[in-house]
């Protein structure tokens, strides 16, 4: 009887560990390639996004001036990060295929 209870406890513990592992959000080379290609294709969206965000946070004049400058800069950064991640997708650089840029995609929140 003790062996049966011990076996059930071990089975439950293994199932709990496996359940936690599948719930985690893992990074791999496929995700890195997808992220890189998405950032290359959508990098230009940073321009209108930053103009809009700055206009809402401050005022329309800031959106047209400061937001435009932020947008141009972030367009270059996001597209460059996409090129980098696409070129290096087979290699775990940075460690664990973590994103080079946060948020990983232009449409994700801050």
PDB file of N, CA and C in Angstrom:
ATOM      1  N   UNK A   1       0.820  -1.193   0.000  1.00  0.00           N
ATOM      2  CA  UNK A   1       0.000   0.000   0.000  1.00  0.00           C
ATOM      3  C   UNK A   1       0.867   1.262   0.000  1.00  0.00           C
ATOM      4  N   UNK A   2       1.977   1.242   0.781  1.00  0.00           N
ATOM      5  CA  UNK A   2       2.856   2.397   0.834  1.00  0.00           C
ATOM      6  C   UNK A   2       3.516   2.649  -0.519  1.00  0.00           C
ATOM      7  N   UNK A   3       3.872   1.566  -1.220  1.00  0.00           N
ATOM      8  CA  UNK A   3       4.502   1.717  -2.535  1.00  0.00           C
ATOM      9  C   UNK A   3       3.516   2.338  -3.523  1.00  0.00           C
ATOM     10  N   UNK A   4       2.256   1.964  -3.427  1.00  0.00           N
ATOM     11  CA  UNK A   4       1.239   2.508  -4.322  1.00  0.00           C
ATOM     12  C   UNK A   4       1.045   4.007  -4.074  1.00  0.00           C
ATOM     13  N   UNK A   5       0.978   4.397  -2.819  1.00  0.00           N
ATOM     14  CA  UNK A   5       0.816   5.812  -2.484  1.00  0.00           C
ATOM     15  C   UNK A   5       2.043   6.600  -2.932  1.00  0.00           C
ATOM     16  N   UNK A   6       3.229   6.026  -2.703  1.00  0.00           N
ATOM     17  CA  UNK A   6       4.463   6.672  -3.129  1.00  0.00           C
ATOM     18  C   UNK A   6       4.480   6.835  -4.650  1.00  0.00           C
ATOM     19  N   UNK A   7       4.041   5.816  -5.386  1.00  0.00           N
ATOM     20  CA  UNK A   7       3.985   5.873  -6.845  1.00  0.00           C
ATOM     21  C   UNK A   7       3.006   6.939  -7.334  1.00  0.00           C
ATOM     22  N   UNK A   8       1.862   7.047  -6.665  1.00  0.00           N
ATOM     23  CA  UNK A   8       0.865   8.068  -7.039  1.00  0.00           C
ATOM     24  C   UNK A   8       1.430   9.461  -6.788  1.00  0.00           C
ATOM     25  N   UNK A   9       2.098   9.645  -5.661  1.00  0.00           N
ATOM     26  CA  UNK A   9       2.693  10.950  -5.349  1.00  0.00           C
ATOM     27  C   UNK A   9       3.749  11.322  -6.382  1.00  0.00           C
ATOM     28  N   UNK A  10       4.573  10.364  -6.779  1.00  0.00           N
ATOM     29  CA  UNK A  10       5.599  10.630  -7.792  1.00  0.00           C
ATOM     30  C   UNK A  10       4.948  10.978  -9.137  1.00  0.00           C
ATOM     31  N   UNK A  11       3.923  10.247  -9.519  1.00  0.00           N
ATOM     32  CA  UNK A  11       3.220  10.531 -10.777  1.00  0.00           C
ATOM     33  C   UNK A  11       2.592  11.920 -10.765  1.00  0.00           C
ATOM     34  N   UNK A  12       1.970  12.287  -9.667  1.00  0.00           N
ATOM     35  CA  UNK A  12       1.356  13.615  -9.554  1.00  0.00           C
ATOM     36  C   UNK A  12       2.429  14.694  -9.630  1.00  0.00           C
ATOM     37  N   UNK A  13       3.560  14.488  -8.956  1.00  0.00           N
ATOM     38  CA  UNK A  13       4.646  15.464  -8.981  1.00  0.00           C
ATOM     39  C   UNK A  13       5.201  15.626 -10.396  1.00  0.00           C
ATOM     40  N   UNK A  14       5.394  14.525 -11.113  1.00  0.00           N
ATOM     41  CA  UNK A  14       5.902  14.592 -12.486  1.00  0.00           C
ATOM     42  C   UNK A  14       4.901  15.314 -13.386  1.00  0.00           C
ATOM     43  N   UNK A  15       3.630  15.016 -13.248  1.00  0.00           N
ATOM     44  CA  UNK A  15       2.609  15.685 -14.056  1.00  0.00           C
ATOM     45  C   UNK A  15       2.557  17.186 -13.761  1.00  0.00           C
ATOM     46  N   UNK A  16       2.741  17.553 -12.499  1.00  0.00           N
ATOM     47  CA  UNK A  16       2.743  18.980 -12.156  1.00  0.00           C
ATOM     48  C   UNK A  16       3.932  19.688 -12.791  1.00  0.00           C
ATOM     49  N   UNK A  17       5.093  19.071 -12.764  1.00  0.00           N
ATOM     50  CA  UNK A  17       6.285  19.666 -13.372  1.00  0.00           C
ATOM     51  C   UNK A  17       6.100  19.795 -14.883  1.00  0.00           C
ATOM     52  N   UNK A  18       5.589  18.758 -15.528  1.00  0.00           N
ATOM     53  CA  UNK A  18       5.366  18.815 -16.974  1.00  0.00           C
ATOM     54  C   UNK A  18       4.323  19.869 -17.332  1.00  0.00           C
ATOM     55  N   UNK A  19       3.308  20.013 -16.511  1.00  0.00           N
ATOM     56  CA  UNK A  19       2.281  21.020 -16.757  1.00  0.00           C
ATOM     57  C   UNK A  19       2.855  22.424 -16.663  1.00  0.00           C
ATOM     58  N   UNK A  20       3.744  22.667 -15.711  1.00  0.00           N
ATOM     59  CA  UNK A  20       4.373  23.983 -15.589  1.00  0.00           C
ATOM     60  C   UNK A  20       5.276  24.261 -16.778  1.00  0.00           C
ATOM     61  N   UNK A  21       5.972  23.257 -17.271  1.00  0.00           N
ATOM     62  CA  UNK A  21       6.893  23.455 -18.389  1.00  0.00           C
ATOM     63  C   UNK A  21       6.148  23.830 -19.665  1.00  0.00           C
ATOM     64  N   UNK A  22       4.979  23.270 -19.898  1.00  0.00           N
ATOM     65  CA  UNK A  22       4.241  23.596 -21.111  1.00  0.00           C
ATOM     66  C   UNK A  22       3.581  24.963 -21.019  1.00  0.00           C
ATOM     67  N   UNK A  23       3.361  25.462 -19.820  1.00  0.00           N
ATOM     68  CA  UNK A  23       2.720  26.754 -19.661  1.00  0.00           C
ATOM     69  C   UNK A  23       3.702  27.911 -19.830  1.00  0.00           C
ATOM     70  N   UNK A  24       4.998  27.625 -19.761  1.00  0.00           N
ATOM     71  CA  UNK A  24       5.977  28.703 -19.880  1.00  0.00           C
ATOM     72  C   UNK A  24       6.098  29.165 -21.329  1.00  0.00           C
ATOM     73  N   UNK A  25       6.555  30.400 -21.482  1.00  0.00           N
ATOM     74  CA  UNK A  25       6.687  31.000 -22.800  1.00  0.00           C
ATOM     75  C   UNK A  25       8.143  30.875 -23.228  1.00  0.00           C
ATOM     76  N   UNK A  26       8.434  29.835 -23.978  1.00  0.00           N
ATOM     77  CA  UNK A  26       9.812  29.548 -24.349  1.00  0.00           C
ATOM     78  C   UNK A  26      10.224  30.322 -25.597  1.00  0.00           C
ATOM     79  N   UNK A  27      11.488  30.690 -25.650  1.00  0.00           N
ATOM     80  CA  UNK A  27      12.070  31.330 -26.821  1.00  0.00           C
ATOM     81  C   UNK A  27      12.892  30.266 -27.547  1.00  0.00           C
ATOM     82  N   UNK A  28      12.809  30.254 -28.862  1.00  0.00           N
ATOM     83  CA  UNK A  28      13.625  29.338 -29.646  1.00  0.00           C
ATOM     84  C   UNK A  28      13.994  30.012 -30.961  1.00  0.00           C
ATOM     85  N   UNK A  29      14.739  29.292 -31.809  1.00  0.00           N
ATOM     86  CA  UNK A  29      15.209  29.925 -33.034  1.00  0.00           C
ATOM     87  C   UNK A  29      14.070  30.267 -33.985  1.00  0.00           C
ATOM     88  N   UNK A  30      12.992  29.490 -33.997  1.00  0.00           N
ATOM     89  CA  UNK A  30      11.842  29.815 -34.849  1.00  0.00           C
ATOM     90  C   UNK A  30      11.171  31.105 -34.415  1.00  0.00           C
ATOM     91  N   UNK A  31      11.015  31.279 -33.122  1.00  0.00           N
ATOM     92  CA  UNK A  31      10.431  32.504 -32.576  1.00  0.00           C
ATOM     93  C   UNK A  31      11.324  33.699 -32.882  1.00  0.00           C
ATOM     94  N   UNK A  32      12.640  33.493 -32.800  1.00  0.00           N
ATOM     95  CA  UNK A  32      13.585  34.578 -33.081  1.00  0.00           C
ATOM     96  C   UNK A  32      13.513  34.983 -34.555  1.00  0.00           C
ATOM     97  N   UNK A  33      13.425  34.007 -35.453  1.00  0.00           N
ATOM     98  CA  UNK A  33      13.302  34.313 -36.879  1.00  0.00           C
ATOM     99  C   UNK A  33      12.001  35.048 -37.164  1.00  0.00           C
ATOM    100  N   UNK A  34      10.911  34.577 -36.582  1.00  0.00           N
ATOM    101  CA  UNK A  34       9.610  35.234 -36.758  1.00  0.00           C
ATOM    102  C   UNK A  34       9.656  36.671 -36.254  1.00  0.00           C
ATOM    103  N   UNK A  35      10.240  36.863 -35.070  1.00  0.00           N
ATOM    104  CA  UNK A  35      10.351  38.194 -34.481  1.00  0.00           C
ATOM    105  C   UNK A  35      11.195  39.108 -35.365  1.00  0.00           C
ATOM    106  N   UNK A  36      12.300  38.588 -35.893  1.00  0.00           N
ATOM    107  CA  UNK A  36      13.161  39.384 -36.760  1.00  0.00           C
ATOM    108  C   UNK A  36      12.466  39.801 -38.037  1.00  0.00           C
ATOM    109  N   UNK A  37      11.799  38.855 -38.692  1.00  0.00           N
ATOM    110  CA  UNK A  37      11.084  39.178 -39.939  1.00  0.00           C
ATOM    111  C   UNK A  37       9.935  40.154 -39.684  1.00  0.00           C
ATOM    112  N   UNK A  38       9.225  39.944 -38.585  1.00  0.00           N
ATOM    113  CA  UNK A  38       8.119  40.855 -38.249  1.00  0.00           C
ATOM    114  C   UNK A  38       8.631  42.266 -38.010  1.00  0.00           C
ATOM    115  N   UNK A  39       9.769  42.399 -37.355  1.00  0.00           N
ATOM    116  CA  UNK A  39      10.309  43.730 -37.087  1.00  0.00           C
ATOM    117  C   UNK A  39      10.869  44.387 -38.346  1.00  0.00           C
ATOM    118  N   UNK A  40      11.365  43.605 -39.284  1.00  0.00           N
ATOM    119  CA  UNK A  40      11.806  44.176 -40.559  1.00  0.00           C
ATOM    120  C   UNK A  40      10.607  44.720 -41.326  1.00  0.00           C
ATOM    121  N   UNK A  41       9.546  43.935 -41.380  1.00  0.00           N
ATOM    122  CA  UNK A  41       8.359  44.314 -42.160  1.00  0.00           C
ATOM    123  C   UNK A  41       7.585  45.466 -41.502  1.00  0.00           C
ATOM    124  N   UNK A  42       7.499  45.459 -40.172  1.00  0.00           N
ATOM    125  CA  UNK A  42       6.664  46.455 -39.488  1.00  0.00           C
ATOM    126  C   UNK A  42       7.464  47.563 -38.803  1.00  0.00           C
ATOM    127  N   UNK A  43       8.752  47.637 -39.022  1.00  0.00           N
ATOM    128  CA  UNK A  43       9.570  48.654 -38.376  1.00  0.00           C
ATOM    129  C   UNK A  43       9.111  50.071 -38.672  1.00  0.00           C
ATOM    130  N   UNK A  44       8.628  50.315 -39.876  1.00  0.00           N
ATOM    131  CA  UNK A  44       8.171  51.650 -40.270  1.00  0.00           C
ATOM    132  C   UNK A  44       6.973  52.124 -39.459  1.00  0.00           C
ATOM    133  N   UNK A  45       6.246  51.211 -38.845  1.00  0.00           N
ATOM    134  CA  UNK A  45       5.059  51.572 -38.068  1.00  0.00           C
ATOM    135  C   UNK A  45       5.445  52.376 -36.827  1.00  0.00           C
ATOM    136  N   UNK A  46       6.707  52.292 -36.414  1.00  0.00           N
ATOM    137  CA  UNK A  46       7.169  53.077 -35.269  1.00  0.00           C
ATOM    138  C   UNK A  46       6.986  54.582 -35.507  1.00  0.00           C
ATOM    139  N   UNK A  47       7.091  55.025 -36.747  1.00  0.00           N
ATOM    140  CA  UNK A  47       6.983  56.453 -37.054  1.00  0.00           C
ATOM    141  C   UNK A  47       5.600  57.000 -36.684  1.00  0.00           C
ATOM    142  N   UNK A  48       4.502  56.518 -37.299  1.00  0.00           N
ATOM    143  CA  UNK A  48       3.197  57.058 -36.911  1.00  0.00           C
ATOM    144  C   UNK A  48       2.810  56.720 -35.469  1.00  0.00           C
ATOM    145  N   UNK A  49       3.272  55.562 -34.972  1.00  0.00           N
ATOM    146  CA  UNK A  49       2.946  55.176 -33.594  1.00  0.00           C
ATOM    147  C   UNK A  49       3.528  56.176 -32.599  1.00  0.00           C
ATOM    148  N   UNK A  50       4.781  56.565 -32.778  1.00  0.00           N
ATOM    149  CA  UNK A  50       5.415  57.510 -31.852  1.00  0.00           C
ATOM    150  C   UNK A  50       4.830  58.908 -31.988  1.00  0.00           C
ATOM    151  N   UNK A  51       4.472  59.311 -33.194  1.00  0.00           N
ATOM    152  CA  UNK A  51       3.810  60.607 -33.364  1.00  0.00           C
ATOM    153  C   UNK A  51       2.491  60.608 -32.599  1.00  0.00           C
ATOM    154  N   UNK A  52       1.706  59.560 -32.774  1.00  0.00           N
ATOM    155  CA  UNK A  52       0.409  59.462 -32.099  1.00  0.00           C
ATOM    156  C   UNK A  52       0.577  59.405 -30.578  1.00  0.00           C
ATOM    157  N   UNK A  53       1.470  58.513 -30.093  1.00  0.00           N
ATOM    158  CA  UNK A  53       1.660  58.358 -28.650  1.00  0.00           C
ATOM    159  C   UNK A  53       2.111  59.663 -27.998  1.00  0.00           C
ATOM    160  N   UNK A  54       3.043  60.366 -28.630  1.00  0.00           N
ATOM    161  CA  UNK A  54       3.526  61.630 -28.069  1.00  0.00           C
ATOM    162  C   UNK A  54       2.441  62.696 -28.113  1.00  0.00           C
ATOM    163  N   UNK A  55       1.625  62.700 -29.172  1.00  0.00           N
ATOM    164  CA  UNK A  55       0.518  63.663 -29.257  1.00  0.00           C
ATOM    165  C   UNK A  55      -0.489  63.440 -28.148  1.00  0.00           C
ATOM    166  N   UNK A  56      -0.778  62.192 -27.849  1.00  0.00           N
ATOM    167  CA  UNK A  56      -1.749  61.869 -26.797  1.00  0.00           C
ATOM    168  C   UNK A  56      -1.163  62.181 -25.419  1.00  0.00           C
ATOM    169  N   UNK A  57       0.107  61.832 -25.197  1.00  0.00           N
ATOM    170  CA  UNK A  57       0.726  62.044 -23.890  1.00  0.00           C
ATOM    171  C   UNK A  57       0.972  63.522 -23.600  1.00  0.00           C
ATOM    172  N   UNK A  58       1.417  64.270 -24.604  1.00  0.00           N
ATOM    173  CA  UNK A  58       1.763  65.676 -24.386  1.00  0.00           C
ATOM    174  C   UNK A  58       0.763  66.592 -25.095  1.00  0.00           C
ATOM    175  N   UNK A  59       1.048  66.883 -26.360  1.00  0.00           N
ATOM    176  CA  UNK A  59       0.160  67.721 -27.170  1.00  0.00           C
ATOM    177  C   UNK A  59       0.504  67.506 -28.640  1.00  0.00           C
ATOM    178  N   UNK A  60      -0.367  67.929 -29.559  1.00  0.00           N
ATOM    179  CA  UNK A  60      -0.117  67.687 -30.981  1.00  0.00           C
ATOM    180  C   UNK A  60       1.185  68.291 -31.505  1.00  0.00           C
ATOM    181  N   UNK A  61       1.581  69.441 -30.993  1.00  0.00           N
ATOM    182  CA  UNK A  61       2.835  70.044 -31.445  1.00  0.00           C
ATOM    183  C   UNK A  61       4.029  69.164 -31.067  1.00  0.00           C
ATOM    184  N   UNK A  62       4.011  68.628 -29.857  1.00  0.00           N
ATOM    185  CA  UNK A  62       5.065  67.697 -29.447  1.00  0.00           C
ATOM    186  C   UNK A  62       5.033  66.443 -30.301  1.00  0.00           C
ATOM    187  N   UNK A  63       3.843  65.994 -30.639  1.00  0.00           N
ATOM    188  CA  UNK A  63       3.717  64.808 -31.485  1.00  0.00           C
ATOM    189  C   UNK A  63       4.361  65.002 -32.838  1.00  0.00           C
ATOM    190  N   UNK A  64       4.158  66.189 -33.419  1.00  0.00           N
ATOM    191  CA  UNK A  64       4.710  66.459 -34.745  1.00  0.00           C
ATOM    192  C   UNK A  64       6.228  66.635 -34.691  1.00  0.00           C
ATOM    193  N   UNK A  65       6.754  67.176 -33.608  1.00  0.00           N
ATOM    194  CA  UNK A  65       8.195  67.434 -33.526  1.00  0.00           C
ATOM    195  C   UNK A  65       8.935  66.302 -32.804  1.00  0.00           C
ATOM    196  N   UNK A  66       8.682  66.176 -31.514  1.00  0.00           N
ATOM    197  CA  UNK A  66       9.377  65.169 -30.706  1.00  0.00           C
ATOM    198  C   UNK A  66       8.965  63.758 -31.136  1.00  0.00           C
ATOM    199  N   UNK A  67       7.683  63.559 -31.352  1.00  0.00           N
ATOM    200  CA  UNK A  67       7.189  62.244 -31.778  1.00  0.00           C
ATOM    201  C   UNK A  67       7.774  61.826 -33.116  1.00  0.00           C
ATOM    202  N   UNK A  68       7.920  62.779 -34.022  1.00  0.00           N
ATOM    203  CA  UNK A  68       8.526  62.487 -35.323  1.00  0.00           C
ATOM    204  C   UNK A  68       9.975  62.049 -35.144  1.00  0.00           C
ATOM    205  N   UNK A  69      10.719  62.764 -34.302  1.00  0.00           N
ATOM    206  CA  UNK A  69      12.116  62.401 -34.056  1.00  0.00           C
ATOM    207  C   UNK A  69      12.224  61.016 -33.408  1.00  0.00           C
ATOM    208  N   UNK A  70      11.374  60.766 -32.398  1.00  0.00           N
ATOM    209  CA  UNK A  70      11.359  59.440 -31.754  1.00  0.00           C
ATOM    210  C   UNK A  70      11.012  58.357 -32.778  1.00  0.00           C
ATOM    211  N   UNK A  71      10.020  58.648 -33.620  1.00  0.00           N
ATOM    212  CA  UNK A  71       9.578  57.676 -34.607  1.00  0.00           C
ATOM    213  C   UNK A  71      10.655  57.321 -35.612  1.00  0.00           C
ATOM    214  N   UNK A  72      11.372  58.333 -36.093  1.00  0.00           N
ATOM    215  CA  UNK A  72      12.463  58.072 -37.041  1.00  0.00           C
ATOM    216  C   UNK A  72      13.536  57.215 -36.372  1.00  0.00           C
ATOM    217  N   UNK A  73      13.897  57.595 -35.154  1.00  0.00           N
ATOM    218  CA  UNK A  73      14.911  56.828 -34.429  1.00  0.00           C
ATOM    219  C   UNK A  73      14.482  55.394 -34.174  1.00  0.00           C
ATOM    220  N   UNK A  74      13.256  55.212 -33.703  1.00  0.00           N
ATOM    221  CA  UNK A  74      12.774  53.859 -33.395  1.00  0.00           C
ATOM    222  C   UNK A  74      12.552  53.027 -34.655  1.00  0.00           C
ATOM    223  N   UNK A  75      12.232  53.674 -35.777  1.00  0.00           N
ATOM    224  CA  UNK A  75      12.105  52.936 -37.036  1.00  0.00           C
ATOM    225  C   UNK A  75      13.451  52.319 -37.397  1.00  0.00           C
ATOM    226  N   UNK A  76      14.503  53.102 -37.264  1.00  0.00           N
ATOM    227  CA  UNK A  76      15.844  52.602 -37.566  1.00  0.00           C
ATOM    228  C   UNK A  76      16.241  51.500 -36.589  1.00  0.00           C
ATOM    229  N   UNK A  77      15.976  51.724 -35.305  1.00  0.00           N
ATOM    230  CA  UNK A  77      16.343  50.738 -34.282  1.00  0.00           C
ATOM    231  C   UNK A  77      15.577  49.435 -34.474  1.00  0.00           C
ATOM    232  N   UNK A  78      14.243  49.515 -34.652  1.00  0.00           N
ATOM    233  CA  UNK A  78      13.438  48.298 -34.776  1.00  0.00           C
ATOM    234  C   UNK A  78      13.783  47.520 -36.036  1.00  0.00           C
ATOM    235  N   UNK A  79      13.959  48.210 -37.151  1.00  0.00           N
ATOM    236  CA  UNK A  79      14.312  47.531 -38.398  1.00  0.00           C
ATOM    237  C   UNK A  79      15.708  46.914 -38.279  1.00  0.00           C
ATOM    238  N   UNK A  80      16.635  47.635 -37.675  1.00  0.00           N
ATOM    239  CA  UNK A  80      17.979  47.097 -37.463  1.00  0.00           C
ATOM    240  C   UNK A  80      17.971  45.877 -36.558  1.00  0.00           C
ATOM    241  N   UNK A  81      17.175  45.919 -35.505  1.00  0.00           N
ATOM    242  CA  UNK A  81      17.056  44.760 -34.616  1.00  0.00           C
ATOM    243  C   UNK A  81      16.465  43.574 -35.358  1.00  0.00           C
ATOM    244  N   UNK A  82      15.515  43.850 -36.245  1.00  0.00           N
ATOM    245  CA  UNK A  82      14.931  42.776 -37.048  1.00  0.00           C
ATOM    246  C   UNK A  82      15.944  42.137 -37.984  1.00  0.00           C
ATOM    247  N   UNK A  83      16.764  42.957 -38.618  1.00  0.00           N
ATOM    248  CA  UNK A  83      17.813  42.436 -39.510  1.00  0.00           C
ATOM    249  C   UNK A  83      18.800  41.601 -38.692  1.00  0.00           C
ATOM    250  N   UNK A  84      19.204  42.112 -37.536  1.00  0.00           N
ATOM    251  CA  UNK A  84      20.139  41.393 -36.671  1.00  0.00           C
ATOM    252  C   UNK A  84      19.565  40.043 -36.239  1.00  0.00           C
ATOM    253  N   UNK A  85      18.307  40.042 -35.776  1.00  0.00           N
ATOM    254  CA  UNK A  85      17.713  38.788 -35.295  1.00  0.00           C
ATOM    255  C   UNK A  85      17.475  37.801 -36.434  1.00  0.00           C
ATOM    256  N   UNK A  86      17.155  38.306 -37.608  1.00  0.00           N
ATOM    257  CA  UNK A  86      16.966  37.416 -38.748  1.00  0.00           C
ATOM    258  C   UNK A  86      18.301  36.793 -39.157  1.00  0.00           C
ATOM    259  N   UNK A  87      19.360  37.582 -39.160  1.00  0.00           N
ATOM    260  CA  UNK A  87      20.681  37.078 -39.559  1.00  0.00           C
ATOM    261  C   UNK A  87      21.271  36.106 -38.541  1.00  0.00           C
ATOM    262  N   UNK A  88      20.929  36.289 -37.263  1.00  0.00           N
ATOM    263  CA  UNK A  88      21.535  35.448 -36.214  1.00  0.00           C
ATOM    264  C   UNK A  88      20.555  34.443 -35.621  1.00  0.00           C
ATOM    265  N   UNK A  89      19.416  34.187 -36.297  1.00  0.00           N
ATOM    266  CA  UNK A  89      18.400  33.323 -35.690  1.00  0.00           C
ATOM    267  C   UNK A  89      18.878  31.910 -35.346  1.00  0.00           C
ATOM    268  N   UNK A  90      19.832  31.301 -36.059  1.00  0.00           N
ATOM    269  CA  UNK A  90      20.234  29.944 -35.660  1.00  0.00           C
ATOM    270  C   UNK A  90      21.061  29.898 -34.377  1.00  0.00           C
ATOM    271  N   UNK A  91      21.555  31.034 -33.934  1.00  0.00           N
ATOM    272  CA  UNK A  91      22.452  31.067 -32.781  1.00  0.00           C
ATOM    273  C   UNK A  91      21.745  31.646 -31.553  1.00  0.00           C
ATOM    274  N   UNK A  92      21.965  31.073 -30.371  1.00  0.00           N
ATOM    275  CA  UNK A  92      21.308  31.578 -29.152  1.00  0.00           C
ATOM    276  C   UNK A  92      21.980  32.843 -28.611  1.00  0.00           C
ATOM    277  N   UNK A  93      22.008  33.885 -29.461  1.00  0.00           N
ATOM    278  CA  UNK A  93      22.600  35.171 -29.084  1.00  0.00           C
ATOM    279  C   UNK A  93      21.487  36.196 -29.074  1.00  0.00           C
ATOM    280  N   UNK A  94      21.193  36.911 -28.039  1.00  0.00           N
ATOM    281  CA  UNK A  94      21.642  36.742 -26.668  1.00  0.00           C
ATOM    282  C   UNK A  94      21.192  35.400 -26.103  1.00  0.00           C
ATOM    283  N   UNK A  95      21.739  35.053 -24.972  1.00  0.00           N
ATOM    284  CA  UNK A  95      21.501  33.743 -24.382  1.00  0.00           C
ATOM    285  C   UNK A  95      20.011  33.423 -24.278  1.00  0.00           C
ATOM    286  N   UNK A  96      19.648  32.242 -24.749  1.00  0.00           N
ATOM    287  CA  UNK A  96      18.266  31.787 -24.677  1.00  0.00           C
ATOM    288  C   UNK A  96      17.347  32.424 -25.702  1.00  0.00           C
ATOM    289  N   UNK A  97      17.913  32.983 -26.767  1.00  0.00           N
ATOM    290  CA  UNK A  97      17.131  33.608 -27.844  1.00  0.00           C
ATOM    291  C   UNK A  97      16.235  34.742 -27.331  1.00  0.00           C
ATOM    292  N   UNK A  98      16.640  35.408 -26.279  1.00  0.00           N
ATOM    293  CA  UNK A  98      15.822  36.494 -25.744  1.00  0.00           C
ATOM    294  C   UNK A  98      15.785  37.670 -26.721  1.00  0.00           C
ATOM    295  N   UNK A  99      14.728  38.465 -26.687  1.00  0.00           N
ATOM    296  CA  UNK A  99      14.608  39.589 -27.623  1.00  0.00           C
ATOM    297  C   UNK A  99      15.689  40.640 -27.405  1.00  0.00           C
ATOM    298  N   UNK A 100      16.143  41.235 -28.503  1.00  0.00           N
ATOM    299  CA  UNK A 100      17.133  42.292 -28.442  1.00  0.00           C
ATOM    300  C   UNK A 100      16.460  43.596 -28.036  1.00  0.00           C
ATOM    301  N   UNK A 101      15.194  43.743 -28.370  1.00  0.00           N
ATOM    302  CA  UNK A 101      14.466  44.982 -28.183  1.00  0.00           C
ATOM    303  C   UNK A 101      13.176  44.704 -27.421  1.00  0.00           C
ATOM    304  N   UNK A 102      12.836  45.561 -26.483  1.00  0.00           N
ATOM    305  CA  UNK A 102      11.570  45.449 -25.744  1.00  0.00           C
ATOM    306  C   UNK A 102      10.709  46.663 -26.046  1.00  0.00           C
ATOM    307  N   UNK A 103       9.457  46.508 -26.337  1.00  0.00           N
ATOM    308  CA  UNK A 103       8.726  45.263 -26.547  1.00  0.00           C
ATOM    309  C   UNK A 103       9.206  44.562 -27.814  1.00  0.00           C
ATOM    310  N   UNK A 104       9.029  43.251 -27.865  1.00  0.00           N
ATOM    311  CA  UNK A 104       9.579  42.494 -28.992  1.00  0.00           C
ATOM    312  C   UNK A 104       8.930  42.858 -30.320  1.00  0.00           C
ATOM    313  N   UNK A 105       7.673  43.284 -30.306  1.00  0.00           N
ATOM    314  CA  UNK A 105       6.977  43.646 -31.531  1.00  0.00           C
ATOM    315  C   UNK A 105       6.449  45.081 -31.394  1.00  0.00           C
ATOM    316  N   UNK A 106       6.293  45.755 -32.519  1.00  0.00           N
ATOM    317  CA  UNK A 106       5.855  47.143 -32.511  1.00  0.00           C
ATOM    318  C   UNK A 106       4.442  47.300 -31.927  1.00  0.00           C
ATOM    319  N   UNK A 107       3.603  46.301 -32.058  1.00  0.00           N
ATOM    320  CA  UNK A 107       2.216  46.401 -31.625  1.00  0.00           C
ATOM    321  C   UNK A 107       2.006  46.009 -30.175  1.00  0.00           C
ATOM    322  N   UNK A 108       3.028  45.513 -29.496  1.00  0.00           N
ATOM    323  CA  UNK A 108       2.880  45.166 -28.078  1.00  0.00           C
ATOM    324  C   UNK A 108       2.919  46.417 -27.239  1.00  0.00           C
ATOM    325  N   UNK A 109       2.326  46.344 -26.061  1.00  0.00           N
ATOM    326  CA  UNK A 109       2.292  47.490 -25.152  1.00  0.00           C
ATOM    327  C   UNK A 109       3.669  47.828 -24.623  1.00  0.00           C
ATOM    328  N   UNK A 110       3.709  48.877 -23.838  1.00  0.00           N
ATOM    329  CA  UNK A 110       4.997  49.349 -23.316  1.00  0.00           C
ATOM    330  C   UNK A 110       5.494  48.513 -22.196  1.00  0.00           C
TER     331      UNK A 110
END
